[in-house]
Each structure stands twice: as structure tokens, then as C-alpha cells.
N, C-alpha and C. Protein backbone atom coordinates (compact mmCIF):
# COMPACT_ATOMS: atom_id res chain seq x y z
N MET A 1 0.37 -1.25 0.17
CA MET A 1 0.10 -0.04 -0.08
C MET A 1 0.59 1.46 0.18
N LYS A 2 0.58 2.13 -0.84
CA LYS A 2 1.42 3.13 -0.90
C LYS A 2 0.59 4.61 -0.51
N LEU A 3 1.01 5.25 0.55
CA LEU A 3 0.85 6.01 1.46
C LEU A 3 0.72 7.53 0.88
N ILE A 4 -0.38 8.04 0.32
CA ILE A 4 -0.43 9.26 0.18
C ILE A 4 0.01 10.08 0.59
N ASN A 5 -0.54 10.39 2.00
CA ASN A 5 -0.54 11.62 2.80
C ASN A 5 0.38 11.43 4.20
N LYS A 6 1.52 10.68 3.58
CA LYS A 6 2.59 10.21 5.03
C LYS A 6 2.11 10.84 6.45
N GLU A 7 1.74 9.57 7.38
CA GLU A 7 1.64 10.43 9.18
C GLU A 7 0.24 10.84 8.51
N HIS A 8 -0.79 11.10 7.79
CA HIS A 8 -1.87 11.97 8.04
C HIS A 8 -3.06 11.15 7.25
N GLU A 9 -2.86 10.02 7.11
CA GLU A 9 -3.71 8.77 6.75
C GLU A 9 -5.03 8.42 7.37
N LEU A 10 -4.34 8.71 8.66
CA LEU A 10 -6.14 8.67 9.92
C LEU A 10 -6.46 9.86 10.13
N ASP A 11 -6.31 10.88 9.57
CA ASP A 11 -7.03 12.15 9.65
C ASP A 11 -8.22 11.92 9.67
N GLU A 12 -8.76 11.69 8.40
CA GLU A 12 -10.09 11.60 7.79
C GLU A 12 -11.00 10.82 8.81
N ILE A 13 -10.44 9.51 9.19
CA ILE A 13 -10.95 8.95 10.21
C ILE A 13 -11.63 9.27 11.73
N ALA A 14 -10.00 10.13 12.22
CA ALA A 14 -10.00 11.03 13.32
C ALA A 14 -11.02 11.81 13.42
N ASN A 15 -11.20 12.81 12.16
CA ASN A 15 -12.12 13.68 12.28
C ASN A 15 -14.00 13.09 12.26
N LYS A 16 -14.05 11.68 11.52
CA LYS A 16 -15.40 11.60 12.05
C LYS A 16 -15.75 10.87 13.25
N LEU A 17 -14.67 10.45 13.84
CA LEU A 17 -14.57 10.05 15.21
C LEU A 17 -14.96 11.18 15.83
N LEU A 18 -14.34 12.03 15.99
CA LEU A 18 -14.82 13.40 16.66
C LEU A 18 -15.87 14.04 16.59
N LEU A 19 -16.37 13.90 15.12
CA LEU A 19 -17.93 14.24 14.89
C LEU A 19 -19.19 13.30 15.45
N GLU A 20 -18.62 12.36 15.59
CA GLU A 20 -19.62 11.55 15.82
C GLU A 20 -19.87 11.44 17.61
N PHE A 21 -18.42 11.69 18.20
CA PHE A 21 -18.69 11.75 19.86
C PHE A 21 -18.33 13.03 20.25
N ASN A 22 -19.05 14.02 19.35
CA ASN A 22 -18.90 15.38 19.78
C ASN A 22 -19.35 15.94 21.24
N GLY A 23 -20.66 15.42 21.38
CA GLY A 23 -21.03 15.35 23.13
C GLY A 23 -20.11 14.83 24.12
N ARG A 24 -19.42 14.04 23.86
CA ARG A 24 -18.35 13.68 25.38
C ARG A 24 -17.21 14.72 25.42
N SER A 25 -17.01 15.14 26.42
CA SER A 25 -15.67 15.95 26.60
C SER A 25 -14.58 15.77 26.89
N LYS A 26 -14.37 14.69 27.06
CA LYS A 26 -12.72 13.96 27.29
C LYS A 26 -12.71 12.45 26.80
N PHE A 27 -11.35 12.47 26.17
CA PHE A 27 -11.24 10.94 25.82
C PHE A 27 -9.84 10.65 26.24
N TYR A 28 -9.82 8.98 26.50
CA TYR A 28 -8.26 8.49 26.85
C TYR A 28 -8.09 7.77 25.72
N ILE A 29 -6.71 7.81 25.34
CA ILE A 29 -6.10 7.06 24.39
C ILE A 29 -5.72 5.90 24.91
N TYR A 30 -5.98 4.67 24.22
CA TYR A 30 -5.00 3.40 24.60
C TYR A 30 -3.93 3.30 23.33
N GLY A 31 -2.79 3.40 23.85
CA GLY A 31 -1.63 3.24 23.19
C GLY A 31 -0.76 4.78 23.03
N ALA A 32 -0.21 4.60 23.55
CA ALA A 32 1.11 5.54 23.46
C ALA A 32 2.28 5.39 22.21
N GLY A 33 1.72 5.32 21.35
CA GLY A 33 2.87 5.38 19.74
C GLY A 33 2.20 5.84 18.99
N LYS A 34 2.22 5.81 17.65
CA LYS A 34 2.25 6.85 16.37
C LYS A 34 0.68 6.93 16.50
N LEU A 35 -0.03 5.83 16.01
CA LEU A 35 -1.60 6.45 16.15
C LEU A 35 -2.11 6.84 17.30
N GLY A 36 -1.64 6.93 18.66
CA GLY A 36 -2.30 7.60 20.07
C GLY A 36 -1.43 9.02 19.38
N LYS A 37 -0.46 9.28 19.25
CA LYS A 37 -0.05 10.36 18.82
C LYS A 37 -1.13 11.10 17.98
N LEU A 38 -1.43 10.69 16.73
CA LEU A 38 -2.05 11.20 15.66
C LEU A 38 -3.57 11.48 16.38
N LEU A 39 -3.92 10.61 16.97
CA LEU A 39 -5.52 11.02 17.64
C LEU A 39 -5.35 11.99 18.66
N TYR A 40 -4.15 12.07 19.35
CA TYR A 40 -3.94 13.30 20.25
C TYR A 40 -3.55 14.42 19.54
N GLU A 41 -3.30 14.36 18.88
CA GLU A 41 -3.08 15.95 18.03
C GLU A 41 -4.62 16.47 17.43
N LYS A 42 -5.77 15.65 16.99
CA LYS A 42 -6.84 16.10 16.86
C LYS A 42 -7.49 16.14 18.20
N LEU A 43 -7.29 15.52 18.69
CA LEU A 43 -8.22 15.30 20.50
C LEU A 43 -7.66 16.89 21.02
N LYS A 44 -6.28 17.31 20.82
CA LYS A 44 -5.86 18.20 21.67
C LYS A 44 -6.41 19.41 20.96
N CYS A 45 -6.76 19.56 19.84
CA CYS A 45 -7.46 20.69 19.01
C CYS A 45 -8.68 21.31 19.26
N LYS A 46 -9.39 20.18 19.98
CA LYS A 46 -10.62 20.36 20.75
C LYS A 46 -10.81 20.36 21.88
N ASN A 47 -9.45 20.31 22.67
CA ASN A 47 -9.59 20.26 24.11
C ASN A 47 -10.30 18.88 24.73
N GLN A 48 -10.16 17.82 23.92
CA GLN A 48 -10.92 16.43 24.49
C GLN A 48 -9.81 15.47 24.86
N PHE A 49 -9.10 15.89 25.03
CA PHE A 49 -8.10 14.69 25.53
C PHE A 49 -7.77 14.47 27.24
N SER A 50 -7.99 13.56 27.45
CA SER A 50 -7.63 13.41 29.00
C SER A 50 -6.44 12.57 29.50
N ALA A 51 -6.00 11.50 28.62
CA ALA A 51 -4.75 11.02 29.14
C ALA A 51 -4.49 9.81 28.56
N PHE A 52 -3.39 9.26 27.91
CA PHE A 52 -3.11 8.03 27.36
C PHE A 52 -2.86 6.96 28.66
N ILE A 53 -3.36 6.02 27.91
CA ILE A 53 -3.60 4.41 28.62
C ILE A 53 -2.29 3.64 28.00
N ASP A 54 -1.23 3.16 28.65
CA ASP A 54 -0.16 2.31 28.10
C ASP A 54 0.38 1.48 29.17
N ASN A 55 0.94 0.34 28.57
CA ASN A 55 1.59 -0.71 29.78
C ASN A 55 2.73 -0.13 29.71
N ASP A 56 3.39 0.37 29.46
CA ASP A 56 5.02 0.97 29.22
C ASP A 56 5.50 1.52 30.20
N ASN A 57 6.32 1.02 31.14
CA ASN A 57 6.61 1.78 32.52
C ASN A 57 7.11 3.08 32.27
N ARG A 58 8.01 3.05 31.43
CA ARG A 58 8.90 3.97 30.94
C ARG A 58 7.99 5.02 30.71
N LYS A 59 7.17 4.98 29.90
CA LYS A 59 6.32 6.34 29.47
C LYS A 59 5.16 6.60 30.54
N GLN A 60 4.71 5.26 31.07
CA GLN A 60 4.24 5.74 32.60
C GLN A 60 4.93 6.92 33.52
N ARG A 61 5.80 6.99 33.57
CA ARG A 61 6.97 7.46 34.49
C ARG A 61 6.86 8.77 33.49
N ASP A 62 7.62 8.91 32.24
CA ASP A 62 8.02 10.16 31.59
C ASP A 62 7.15 10.84 31.11
N GLY A 63 5.93 10.18 30.63
CA GLY A 63 4.82 10.76 29.84
C GLY A 63 5.40 10.65 28.56
N PHE A 64 4.08 10.95 27.73
CA PHE A 64 4.18 11.00 26.32
C PHE A 64 3.27 12.11 25.58
N CYS A 65 3.92 12.38 24.47
CA CYS A 65 3.81 13.86 23.98
C CYS A 65 3.46 14.73 25.10
N SER A 66 4.46 14.96 26.12
CA SER A 66 4.39 15.98 27.21
C SER A 66 2.98 15.51 27.98
N GLN A 67 2.31 14.43 28.10
CA GLN A 67 1.09 14.34 28.62
C GLN A 67 1.14 13.07 29.74
N LYS A 68 0.27 12.69 30.33
CA LYS A 68 0.30 11.81 31.25
C LYS A 68 -0.09 10.59 30.96
N VAL A 69 0.58 9.89 31.15
CA VAL A 69 0.08 7.96 30.79
C VAL A 69 -0.05 7.35 32.07
N ILE A 70 -1.21 6.79 32.15
CA ILE A 70 -1.76 5.92 33.05
C ILE A 70 -2.02 4.26 32.83
N THR A 71 -2.18 3.74 33.98
CA THR A 71 -2.15 2.27 33.57
C THR A 71 -3.79 1.90 33.09
N PHE A 72 -4.22 0.88 32.50
CA PHE A 72 -5.48 0.17 32.55
C PHE A 72 -5.98 0.06 33.67
N LYS A 73 -5.45 -0.11 34.50
CA LYS A 73 -6.17 -0.42 36.00
C LYS A 73 -6.56 1.22 36.49
N GLU A 74 -5.63 2.03 36.42
CA GLU A 74 -5.74 3.34 36.92
C GLU A 74 -6.83 4.10 36.14
N TYR A 75 -7.36 3.48 34.88
CA TYR A 75 -7.93 4.01 34.03
C TYR A 75 -9.26 3.47 34.53
N LEU A 76 -9.50 2.39 34.92
CA LEU A 76 -10.69 1.49 35.37
C LEU A 76 -11.18 2.04 36.56
N LYS A 77 -10.25 2.60 37.51
CA LYS A 77 -10.34 3.30 38.67
C LYS A 77 -11.32 4.57 38.27
N VAL A 78 -10.56 5.17 37.63
CA VAL A 78 -11.11 6.64 37.01
C VAL A 78 -12.39 6.23 36.48
N MET A 79 -12.94 5.22 35.89
CA MET A 79 -14.17 4.87 35.33
C MET A 79 -15.20 4.44 36.31
N SER A 80 -14.46 4.24 37.10
CA SER A 80 -15.75 3.41 38.09
C SER A 80 -15.80 4.75 39.06
N ASN A 81 -15.34 5.35 39.50
CA ASN A 81 -15.24 6.87 40.31
C ASN A 81 -16.36 7.70 39.46
N CYS A 82 -16.17 7.66 38.12
CA CYS A 82 -17.26 8.50 37.33
C CYS A 82 -19.03 8.01 37.42
N SER A 83 -18.88 6.74 37.53
CA SER A 83 -20.33 5.99 37.59
C SER A 83 -21.02 6.31 38.47
N ASN A 84 -19.89 6.82 39.71
CA ASN A 84 -21.06 6.50 41.46
C ASN A 84 -21.38 7.94 41.23
């Protein structure tokens, strides 16, 4: 597969997701890598980014894209507190 717009091939998908979930205030991104970074760029423009979720201890310690990286267990705890 030849990439036409390198590193922006998911922009259209991300824009569609943002439109579909426009009512939500914040999103967590599972995965602090290339795809996570692309999604983060879209979400931060709309102030809809909360944190990354990743199992990499180094990323949890150092962050990713200058943002917080939490464990999946921490995410579940945050979500359980939201439903109460």
C-alpha cells in the first residue's frame, strides 16, 4: 500500500470519530505510539484529550507527547469513580 499523505492517513477517520462523539468532553487514548499521537493531535485541538493509557512503565513515568500516561488499572478506577 502506497501512502499518499504520510502520517496523515488517519486524519479523515479521526475527524469522523470526533464528529460522532462530539458530545463527549474528554477521551482517553489506549496506546502511546504513532496512532495514539495522531489521535492526540486531533483531540487536543478540540480540548477533548484526557490521558494516554499504556502498559509501558517508562512512558508511565516519563509521559508521552508531554502528557500523562496511566495504567489500564488506573483508567478503570477513574471510570468506576465517574459512574458513582
